[in-house]
């Protein structure tokens, strides 16, 4: 689209929102049901597009994208009526007689910018939240996942008019044009570098933004961990989608006393889950593009690679890789990996690890494998991250009953379920003052000692 076409489309969405058509709750639920049916009816097309873009198997596509999206839409269909109701709050005695409440209001015209790694899930989930809250939406999927972007564009065009929900495809020119325009809320999922630019551009219009970014998510394995189960779960979460997952455990901090045993279990689990030759496994995906493929290969130190490290340039695949003896100075620790490379670092002092994590940038997720209650308590209460798990990885995002989002360098705001509805809503505080009586103490002249005494009773 040209800049002029995008601007004309936004103006149509602004007019549509001002008409008030998106406000009735029954109408919102009807749109959510249309979206649910469209996703369910197009599962095969969606899975084929995900296979084309990322090499995902049908099983993984449903488990990690289509199924989770259906669950989020289902949640919104069931709960939008309750979430959209006004919430009565206590009224101070000084404001008698009145009724105080919070009224959820849509932001209005929203922009959803989504990434390539889970292109369907991370587009349609926030869209469902935006619809439930009563907004219009302009959707801008990533140019790096064109097949999925096209499927979403076709799917949404079939069920929604463009003045309500529209997809803008394209690359940097379209991104720049969209960010030049005045939306009422911008929802962005992607890298920290681009997130900073999005926030700068939003500041020009004083537009609120929800940023879902990334970071180096640590995974601690202490000396009390169940090593076999820890390895099984970490291998699943680390190499899911070939490591191209924002909450994947970026690196492992393992206690020195169990490190060798842990690495041995990791190797066993890789072979058990992906086979002796993962690059021949039809259910193992690929790296999104050549640029990302080459960047990942540059992070692998052959001298520290103890498993994997091989790649197929023709299919853009990198085998599940483990690096041992890694230190903070290694290249693999200098940036978010976002690929199938697992650096293993060792530690001796758990308290020192927690202290270091408290000083580092706040990651999108943090994980601990332990059966030590004191270790778990310190991790739970002192390590700040967007979310995380104890004795598992990544699964905390697979629910509509908890908000998912970052903190600090890993983002701001959260969504999923109730948190998603609130992310796309403004909570308007209203006092409905009754007219059958009017307390006189707030009015001048301030000469009554009785009124002053009552004021001190009311306001304390």
Protein backbone atom coordinates (compact mmCIF):
# COMPACT_ATOMS: atom_id res chain seq x y z
CA UNK A 1 0.00 0.00 0.00
CA UNK A 2 1.05 3.58 -0.59
CA UNK A 3 1.13 6.09 2.24
CA UNK A 4 -1.97 7.77 0.77
CA UNK A 5 -3.88 4.49 0.66
CA UNK A 6 -2.98 3.70 4.28
CA UNK A 7 -4.02 7.17 5.40
CA UNK A 8 -7.35 6.87 3.57
CA UNK A 9 -7.94 3.48 5.18
CA UNK A 10 -7.20 4.88 8.65
CA UNK A 11 -9.62 7.74 8.06
CA UNK A 12 -12.31 5.22 7.16
CA UNK A 13 -11.60 3.32 10.37
CA UNK A 14 -11.81 6.53 12.38
CA UNK A 15 -15.22 7.29 10.89
CA UNK A 16 -16.37 3.73 11.57
CA UNK A 17 -15.31 3.94 15.20
CA UNK A 18 -16.99 7.33 15.67
CA UNK A 19 -20.24 5.81 14.38
CA UNK A 20 -20.41 3.79 17.61
CA UNK A 21 -20.94 0.47 15.84
CA UNK A 22 -18.09 -1.26 17.71
CA UNK A 23 -19.45 -0.38 21.17
CA UNK A 24 -22.36 -2.82 21.74
CA UNK A 25 -21.07 -5.91 23.54
CA UNK A 26 -23.36 -8.24 21.62
CA UNK A 27 -21.90 -6.97 18.35
CA UNK A 28 -18.33 -7.50 19.58
CA UNK A 29 -19.12 -11.08 20.55
CA UNK A 30 -20.67 -11.67 17.14
CA UNK A 31 -17.42 -10.52 15.48
CA UNK A 32 -15.38 -12.80 17.75
CA UNK A 33 -17.55 -15.74 16.74
CA UNK A 34 -16.95 -14.91 13.08
CA UNK A 35 -13.22 -14.85 13.75
CA UNK A 36 -13.33 -18.17 15.63
CA UNK A 37 -15.24 -19.89 12.82
CA UNK A 38 -12.89 -18.49 10.17
CA UNK A 39 -9.79 -19.73 12.01
CA UNK A 40 -11.34 -23.15 12.55
CA UNK A 41 -12.44 -23.45 8.91
CA UNK A 42 -9.03 -22.42 7.56
CA UNK A 43 -6.75 -24.54 9.75
CA UNK A 44 -5.28 -26.41 6.82
CA UNK A 45 -4.42 -23.22 4.90
CA UNK A 46 -2.88 -21.68 8.00
CA UNK A 47 -0.78 -24.78 8.71
CA UNK A 48 0.42 -24.93 5.10
CA UNK A 49 1.47 -21.27 5.26
CA UNK A 50 3.35 -21.82 8.51
CA UNK A 51 5.11 -24.80 6.96
CA UNK A 52 6.12 -22.67 4.00
CA UNK A 53 7.42 -19.77 6.13
CA UNK A 54 9.02 -21.63 9.04
CA UNK A 55 8.94 -25.33 8.22
CA UNK A 56 6.52 -26.00 11.09
CA UNK A 57 4.80 -29.36 11.25
CA UNK A 58 1.02 -29.53 11.37
CA UNK A 59 1.21 -30.77 14.95
CA UNK A 60 3.38 -27.87 16.11
CA UNK A 61 1.33 -25.35 14.13
CA UNK A 62 -1.82 -26.36 15.95
CA UNK A 63 -0.19 -26.75 19.37
CA UNK A 64 1.68 -23.45 19.32
CA UNK A 65 -0.34 -21.19 17.03
CA UNK A 66 -3.79 -22.24 15.81
CA UNK A 67 -4.95 -24.00 18.98
CA UNK A 68 -3.76 -21.25 21.32
CA UNK A 69 -5.44 -18.66 19.11
CA UNK A 70 -8.73 -20.54 19.23
CA UNK A 71 -8.44 -20.75 23.01
CA UNK A 72 -7.94 -16.98 23.31
CA UNK A 73 -10.89 -16.20 21.05
CA UNK A 74 -13.04 -18.68 23.03
CA UNK A 75 -12.05 -16.96 26.27
CA UNK A 76 -13.06 -13.59 24.85
CA UNK A 77 -16.39 -14.89 23.58
CA UNK A 78 -17.21 -16.21 27.06
CA UNK A 79 -15.94 -13.26 29.09
CA UNK A 80 -16.35 -10.06 27.06
CA UNK A 81 -19.77 -9.38 28.55
CA UNK A 82 -18.36 -9.46 32.08
CA UNK A 83 -15.17 -7.58 31.24
CA UNK A 84 -17.06 -4.76 29.51
CA UNK A 85 -19.35 -4.05 32.47
CA UNK A 86 -18.79 -1.03 34.64
CA UNK A 87 -17.23 -1.81 38.03
CA UNK A 88 -18.70 -0.08 41.07
CA UNK A 89 -16.14 1.24 43.57
CA UNK A 90 -16.49 2.64 47.07
CA UNK A 91 -17.55 6.29 47.26
CA UNK A 92 -15.99 8.51 49.94
CA UNK A 93 -18.45 9.86 52.49
CA UNK A 94 -17.54 13.41 51.47
CA UNK A 95 -19.06 12.71 48.03
CA UNK A 96 -22.42 11.52 49.38
CA UNK A 97 -24.79 10.98 47.62
CA UNK A 98 -23.26 9.54 44.48
CA UNK A 99 -22.34 6.35 42.67
CA UNK A 100 -18.66 5.85 41.67
CA UNK A 101 -17.64 3.38 39.00
CA UNK A 102 -14.99 2.52 36.41
CA UNK A 103 -16.23 2.21 32.85
CA UNK A 104 -14.02 0.29 30.36
CA UNK A 105 -13.77 2.24 27.11
CA UNK A 106 -12.13 1.19 23.84
CA UNK A 107 -9.04 3.16 22.91
CA UNK A 108 -10.50 3.53 19.43
CA UNK A 109 -8.34 2.99 16.36
CA UNK A 110 -5.51 0.55 17.08
CA UNK A 111 -2.43 -0.65 15.21
CA UNK A 112 -1.16 -4.21 15.74
CA UNK A 113 2.37 -4.88 14.44
CA UNK A 114 3.32 -8.55 14.66
CA UNK A 115 6.55 -10.58 14.19
CA UNK A 116 7.52 -13.50 11.99
CA UNK A 117 8.37 -16.21 14.52
CA UNK A 118 4.77 -17.04 15.53
CA UNK A 119 3.12 -15.00 12.79
CA UNK A 120 -0.43 -16.27 13.17
CA UNK A 121 -0.63 -16.50 16.96
CA UNK A 122 1.00 -13.14 17.63
CA UNK A 123 -1.31 -11.39 15.17
CA UNK A 124 -4.72 -12.91 15.79
CA UNK A 125 -4.47 -13.20 19.60
CA UNK A 126 -4.03 -9.44 20.15
CA UNK A 127 -6.61 -8.81 17.40
CA UNK A 128 -9.15 -10.86 19.37
CA UNK A 129 -8.40 -8.75 22.45
CA UNK A 130 -8.79 -5.54 20.43
CA UNK A 131 -12.15 -6.68 19.03
CA UNK A 132 -13.40 -7.73 22.47
CA UNK A 133 -12.54 -4.31 23.87
CA UNK A 134 -14.48 -2.56 21.07
CA UNK A 135 -11.72 -1.15 18.86
CA UNK A 136 -11.02 -1.05 15.17
CA UNK A 137 -7.69 -2.54 14.11
CA UNK A 138 -5.07 -2.06 11.44
CA UNK A 139 -2.94 -5.21 11.32
CA UNK A 140 0.65 -5.13 10.02
CA UNK A 141 2.23 -8.62 9.90
CA UNK A 142 5.90 -9.21 9.23
CA UNK A 143 7.24 -9.20 5.68
CA UNK A 144 9.49 -12.15 6.64
CA UNK A 145 6.51 -14.56 6.83
CA UNK A 146 4.71 -13.72 3.58
CA UNK A 147 2.68 -16.91 3.19
CA UNK A 148 1.09 -16.59 6.62
CA UNK A 149 0.58 -12.85 6.12
CA UNK A 150 -1.35 -13.52 2.92
CA UNK A 151 -3.53 -16.18 4.54
CA UNK A 152 -4.38 -13.77 7.35
CA UNK A 153 -5.11 -10.97 4.91
CA UNK A 154 -7.49 -13.19 2.93
CA UNK A 155 -9.12 -14.63 6.05
CA UNK A 156 -9.78 -11.25 7.68
CA UNK A 157 -10.96 -9.62 4.44
CA UNK A 158 -13.55 -12.39 4.06
CA UNK A 159 -15.19 -11.72 7.42
CA UNK A 160 -14.59 -8.03 8.26
CA UNK A 161 -14.98 -4.80 6.30
CA UNK A 162 -11.73 -2.90 5.90
CA UNK A 163 -13.09 0.08 7.84
CA UNK A 164 -13.26 -2.25 10.86
CA UNK A 165 -10.29 -4.64 10.52
CA UNK A 166 -7.71 -4.32 7.77
CA UNK A 167 -4.38 -5.97 6.97
CA UNK A 168 -1.51 -3.91 5.58
CA UNK A 169 1.21 -6.07 4.04
CA UNK A 170 4.63 -4.90 2.96
CA UNK A 171 7.92 -3.96 4.57
CA UNK A 172 9.75 -0.99 5.98
CA UNK A 173 8.00 1.64 3.86
CA UNK A 174 4.60 0.51 5.11
CA UNK A 175 5.88 0.30 8.71
CA UNK A 176 7.21 3.85 8.50
CA UNK A 177 3.97 5.15 7.00
CA UNK A 178 1.87 3.50 9.71
CA UNK A 179 4.03 4.88 12.52
CA UNK A 180 3.73 8.38 11.04
CA UNK A 181 -0.02 8.24 11.57
CA UNK A 182 -2.03 8.97 14.67
CA UNK A 183 -3.50 5.79 16.15
CA UNK A 184 -5.07 5.64 19.60
CA UNK A 185 -2.97 2.61 20.65
CA UNK A 186 -0.04 0.77 19.10
CA UNK A 187 0.56 -2.89 19.98
CA UNK A 188 4.00 -4.07 18.86
CA UNK A 189 5.70 -7.46 19.16
CA UNK A 190 9.31 -7.72 18.00
CA UNK A 191 12.90 -6.90 18.78
CA UNK A 192 14.15 -4.41 21.35
CA UNK A 193 15.82 -2.30 18.66
CA UNK A 194 12.63 -1.86 16.65
CA UNK A 195 10.60 -1.51 19.85
CA UNK A 196 12.63 1.56 20.78
CA UNK A 197 11.89 3.12 17.40
CA UNK A 198 8.18 2.33 17.75
CA UNK A 199 8.11 4.00 21.16
CA UNK A 200 9.91 7.07 19.82
CA UNK A 201 7.39 7.40 17.01
CA UNK A 202 4.44 6.89 19.36
CA UNK A 203 5.77 9.68 21.59
CA UNK A 204 5.33 12.16 18.74
CA UNK A 205 1.55 11.66 18.94
CA UNK A 206 1.43 10.87 22.69
CA UNK A 207 0.09 7.47 21.66
CA UNK A 208 0.14 4.73 24.32
CA UNK A 209 1.99 1.58 23.31
CA UNK A 210 2.14 -2.03 24.39
CA UNK A 211 5.57 -3.45 23.60
CA UNK A 212 6.23 -7.19 23.65
CA UNK A 213 10.00 -7.49 23.19
CA UNK A 214 12.62 -10.09 24.03
CA UNK A 215 15.92 -10.45 25.83
CA UNK A 216 18.25 -13.11 27.16
CA UNK A 217 15.99 -15.29 29.29
CA UNK A 218 18.06 -17.23 31.84
CA UNK A 219 17.42 -20.81 32.92
CA UNK A 220 18.97 -21.88 36.25
CA UNK A 221 19.54 -25.55 37.02
CA UNK A 222 20.66 -26.02 40.62
CA UNK A 223 22.18 -29.04 42.31
CA UNK A 224 18.79 -30.26 43.61
CA UNK A 225 17.06 -30.33 40.21
CA UNK A 226 15.61 -33.46 38.66
CA UNK A 227 18.14 -33.50 35.84
CA UNK A 228 16.38 -35.96 33.54
CA UNK A 229 13.10 -34.06 33.66
CA UNK A 230 14.85 -30.68 33.51
CA UNK A 231 16.73 -31.72 30.37
CA UNK A 232 13.55 -33.06 28.77
CA UNK A 233 11.63 -29.85 29.35
CA UNK A 234 14.48 -27.50 28.51
CA UNK A 235 15.15 -29.28 25.20
CA UNK A 236 11.46 -28.93 24.32
CA UNK A 237 11.36 -25.22 25.10
CA UNK A 238 14.78 -24.30 23.72
CA UNK A 239 14.45 -25.97 20.32
CA UNK A 240 10.73 -25.41 19.76
CA UNK A 241 10.35 -23.50 16.47
CA UNK A 242 14.13 -23.95 16.09
CA UNK A 243 14.71 -21.67 19.06
CA UNK A 244 12.89 -18.80 17.38
CA UNK A 245 10.71 -18.21 20.44
CA UNK A 246 10.82 -15.01 22.45
CA UNK A 247 10.50 -16.86 25.78
CA UNK A 248 12.84 -19.73 24.95
CA UNK A 249 15.51 -20.29 27.61
CA UNK A 250 18.32 -18.27 26.05
CA UNK A 251 21.11 -19.78 28.12
CA UNK A 252 21.50 -22.24 31.00
CA UNK A 253 23.21 -21.50 34.31
CA UNK A 254 24.03 -24.88 35.80
CA UNK A 255 25.61 -25.67 39.16
CA UNK A 256 29.12 -26.98 38.65
CA UNK A 257 28.50 -30.16 40.64
CA UNK A 258 25.79 -31.40 38.24
CA UNK A 259 26.84 -29.70 34.99
CA UNK A 260 28.40 -32.74 33.31
CA UNK A 261 25.44 -34.94 34.19
CA UNK A 262 23.05 -32.25 32.97
CA UNK A 263 24.81 -31.87 29.61
CA UNK A 264 24.77 -35.65 29.18
CA UNK A 265 21.00 -35.65 29.78
CA UNK A 266 20.53 -32.79 27.32
CA UNK A 267 22.33 -34.79 24.61
CA UNK A 268 20.12 -37.82 25.31
CA UNK A 269 16.98 -35.73 25.12
CA UNK A 270 17.94 -34.08 21.84
CA UNK A 271 18.39 -37.48 20.25
CA UNK A 272 15.22 -38.81 21.86
CA UNK A 273 13.05 -35.89 20.75
CA UNK A 274 14.63 -35.07 17.37
CA UNK A 275 16.39 -38.27 16.34
CA UNK A 276 20.00 -39.06 15.56
CA UNK A 277 19.84 -36.71 12.55
CA UNK A 278 17.54 -33.77 13.42
CA UNK A 279 18.07 -32.15 10.02
CA UNK A 280 16.30 -35.15 8.46
CA UNK A 281 13.39 -34.92 10.92
CA UNK A 282 10.31 -33.83 8.96
CA UNK A 283 8.89 -32.18 12.10
CA UNK A 284 11.97 -30.01 12.70
CA UNK A 285 11.57 -26.55 11.20
CA UNK A 286 13.93 -24.03 9.66
CA UNK A 287 15.45 -20.63 10.25
CA UNK A 288 13.30 -17.83 8.84
CA UNK A 289 15.80 -16.45 6.30
CA UNK A 290 19.42 -16.50 5.17
CA UNK A 291 20.39 -13.37 7.11
CA UNK A 292 19.22 -14.86 10.39
CA UNK A 293 20.77 -18.25 9.47
CA UNK A 294 24.20 -16.69 8.88
CA UNK A 295 23.98 -14.64 12.09
CA UNK A 296 23.30 -17.79 14.13
CA UNK A 297 26.16 -19.73 12.55
CA UNK A 298 28.43 -16.85 13.54
CA UNK A 299 27.49 -17.36 17.20
CA UNK A 300 28.56 -21.02 17.25
CA UNK A 301 32.09 -21.60 18.58
CA UNK A 302 33.20 -25.01 17.23
CA UNK A 303 35.73 -25.40 20.07
CA UNK A 304 32.94 -25.17 22.66
CA UNK A 305 30.31 -27.12 20.73
CA UNK A 306 29.65 -30.47 22.39
CA UNK A 307 26.57 -31.43 20.41
CA UNK A 308 25.13 -30.45 17.03
CA UNK A 309 26.55 -27.42 15.30
CA UNK A 310 25.92 -28.83 11.81
CA UNK A 311 23.69 -27.01 9.34
CA UNK A 312 22.06 -27.32 5.91
CA UNK A 313 22.42 -24.14 3.86
CA UNK A 314 19.90 -25.31 1.27
CA UNK A 315 17.08 -25.75 3.79
CA UNK A 316 18.26 -23.06 6.24
CA UNK A 317 18.33 -25.58 9.08
CA UNK A 318 20.67 -25.66 12.07
CA UNK A 319 20.72 -28.76 14.24
CA UNK A 320 19.99 -28.45 17.96
CA UNK A 321 23.33 -27.25 19.28
CA UNK A 322 24.87 -27.30 22.76
CA UNK A 323 27.90 -25.24 23.76
CA UNK A 324 29.71 -26.02 27.01
CA UNK A 325 32.29 -24.00 28.93
CA UNK A 326 30.66 -20.75 27.80
CA UNK A 327 31.50 -17.49 29.58
CA UNK A 328 29.92 -14.05 29.56
CA UNK A 329 32.59 -12.89 27.10
CA UNK A 330 31.58 -15.32 24.34
CA UNK A 331 29.76 -13.90 21.30
CA UNK A 332 26.76 -16.12 21.96
CA UNK A 333 26.20 -14.24 25.24
CA UNK A 334 26.36 -10.79 23.65
CA UNK A 335 22.84 -10.79 22.16
CA UNK A 336 19.55 -12.62 22.25
CA UNK A 337 20.20 -15.88 20.39
CA UNK A 338 16.75 -16.58 18.92
CA UNK A 339 17.89 -19.87 17.45
CA UNK A 340 18.69 -23.51 18.29
CA UNK A 341 21.90 -22.84 20.23
CA UNK A 342 22.08 -23.65 23.95
CA UNK A 343 25.04 -22.12 25.83
CA UNK A 344 25.72 -23.79 29.18
CA UNK A 345 27.47 -21.70 31.82
CA UNK A 346 28.47 -22.98 35.26
CA UNK A 347 28.15 -21.39 38.69
CA UNK A 348 29.18 -22.23 42.24
CA UNK A 349 27.23 -19.74 44.36
CA UNK A 350 23.45 -19.54 43.88
CA UNK A 351 23.16 -16.29 45.81
CA UNK A 352 25.72 -14.68 43.51
CA UNK A 353 23.70 -15.80 40.46
CA UNK A 354 20.55 -14.20 41.84
CA UNK A 355 22.44 -11.00 42.62
CA UNK A 356 23.82 -10.85 39.06
CA UNK A 357 20.38 -11.39 37.55
CA UNK A 358 19.01 -8.57 39.68
CA UNK A 359 21.59 -6.24 38.14
CA UNK A 360 21.06 -7.35 34.53
CA UNK A 361 18.42 -6.17 32.03
CA UNK A 362 15.06 -7.59 32.92
CA UNK A 363 14.28 -10.49 30.57
CA UNK A 364 10.95 -11.53 29.10
CA UNK A 365 11.15 -14.83 31.00
CA UNK A 366 13.26 -16.53 33.67
CA UNK A 367 13.32 -20.19 34.67
CA UNK A 368 14.51 -22.22 37.65
CA UNK A 369 14.81 -25.99 38.01
CA UNK A 370 15.13 -26.82 41.69
CA UNK A 371 13.61 -28.68 44.63
CA UNK A 372 15.18 -26.31 47.17
CA UNK A 373 12.46 -24.22 48.81
CA UNK A 374 14.83 -21.39 49.73
CA UNK A 375 16.19 -21.20 46.18
CA UNK A 376 12.67 -21.16 44.74
CA UNK A 377 11.60 -18.42 47.17
CA UNK A 378 14.53 -16.15 46.25
CA UNK A 379 13.94 -16.71 42.56
CA UNK A 380 10.21 -16.06 42.85
CA UNK A 381 10.47 -12.89 44.92
CA UNK A 382 13.74 -11.27 43.84
CA UNK A 383 14.32 -11.96 40.13
CA UNK A 384 12.30 -9.53 38.01
CA UNK A 385 11.18 -10.79 34.61
CA UNK A 386 8.10 -10.58 32.43
CA UNK A 387 7.10 -14.08 33.56
CA UNK A 388 8.53 -17.53 33.84
CA UNK A 389 8.27 -21.03 35.28
CA UNK A 390 9.60 -23.11 38.13
CA UNK A 391 10.63 -26.59 36.95
CA UNK A 392 9.41 -25.97 33.40
CA UNK A 393 9.85 -23.52 30.52
CA UNK A 394 7.68 -21.45 28.12
CA UNK A 395 4.29 -22.86 29.19
CA UNK A 396 3.36 -19.81 31.27
CA UNK A 397 2.28 -18.00 28.10
CA UNK A 398 -0.14 -20.76 27.03
CA UNK A 399 -3.09 -19.55 29.10
CA UNK A 400 -5.69 -16.82 28.89
CA UNK A 401 -5.91 -16.67 32.68
CA UNK A 402 -2.57 -14.89 33.17
CA UNK A 403 -1.25 -11.78 31.52
CA UNK A 404 1.77 -12.18 29.27
CA UNK A 405 4.21 -9.33 28.78
CA UNK A 406 7.63 -7.91 29.47
CA UNK A 407 9.13 -5.53 31.98
CA UNK A 408 11.91 -2.99 31.55
CA UNK A 409 14.03 -3.84 28.52
CA UNK A 410 11.73 -6.74 27.60
CA UNK A 411 8.67 -4.58 27.09
CA UNK A 412 5.73 -2.85 28.72
CA UNK A 413 2.13 -3.87 29.13
CA UNK A 414 0.61 -7.35 28.97
CA UNK A 415 -2.14 -9.22 27.18
CA UNK A 416 -4.01 -12.56 27.09
CA UNK A 417 -7.50 -12.87 28.53
CA UNK A 418 -8.52 -10.20 31.02
CA UNK A 419 -5.11 -8.51 30.70
CA UNK A 420 -5.61 -8.35 26.93
CA UNK A 421 -9.02 -6.73 27.26
CA UNK A 422 -7.54 -4.19 29.66
CA UNK A 423 -4.55 -3.54 27.37
CA UNK A 424 -6.93 -2.39 24.64
CA UNK A 425 -9.22 -0.47 27.00
CA UNK A 426 -9.11 2.78 28.92
CA UNK A 427 -10.69 2.54 32.37
CA UNK A 428 -12.72 5.74 32.73
CA UNK A 429 -13.48 6.83 36.30
CA UNK A 430 -16.94 8.34 36.70
CA UNK A 431 -18.86 9.79 39.67
CA UNK A 432 -22.62 9.89 39.12
CA UNK A 433 -23.66 12.58 41.60
CA UNK A 434 -27.28 12.57 42.76
CA UNK A 435 -29.37 15.72 42.64
CA UNK A 436 -31.72 15.07 45.55
CA UNK A 437 -29.22 16.44 48.04
CA UNK A 438 -26.09 18.61 48.02
CA UNK A 439 -23.61 18.74 50.89
CA UNK A 440 -22.82 22.43 51.45
CA UNK A 441 -19.43 22.16 53.13
CA UNK A 442 -17.33 22.43 49.94
CA UNK A 443 -18.68 25.84 48.99
CA UNK A 444 -17.40 29.24 50.10
CA UNK A 445 -17.50 31.11 52.36
CA UNK A 446 -15.44 28.80 54.58
CA UNK A 447 -16.71 30.25 57.86
CA UNK A 448 -18.61 27.39 59.47
CA UNK A 449 -16.72 25.64 62.27
CA UNK A 450 -19.16 22.72 62.00
CA UNK A 451 -18.37 22.23 58.31
CA UNK A 452 -14.64 22.38 59.04
CA UNK A 453 -15.02 19.77 61.75
CA UNK A 454 -17.03 17.52 59.42
CA UNK A 455 -14.45 17.97 56.67
CA UNK A 456 -11.71 16.70 59.00
CA UNK A 457 -13.89 13.69 59.88
CA UNK A 458 -14.59 12.83 56.23
CA UNK A 459 -11.03 13.32 54.94
CA UNK A 460 -8.75 11.26 57.09
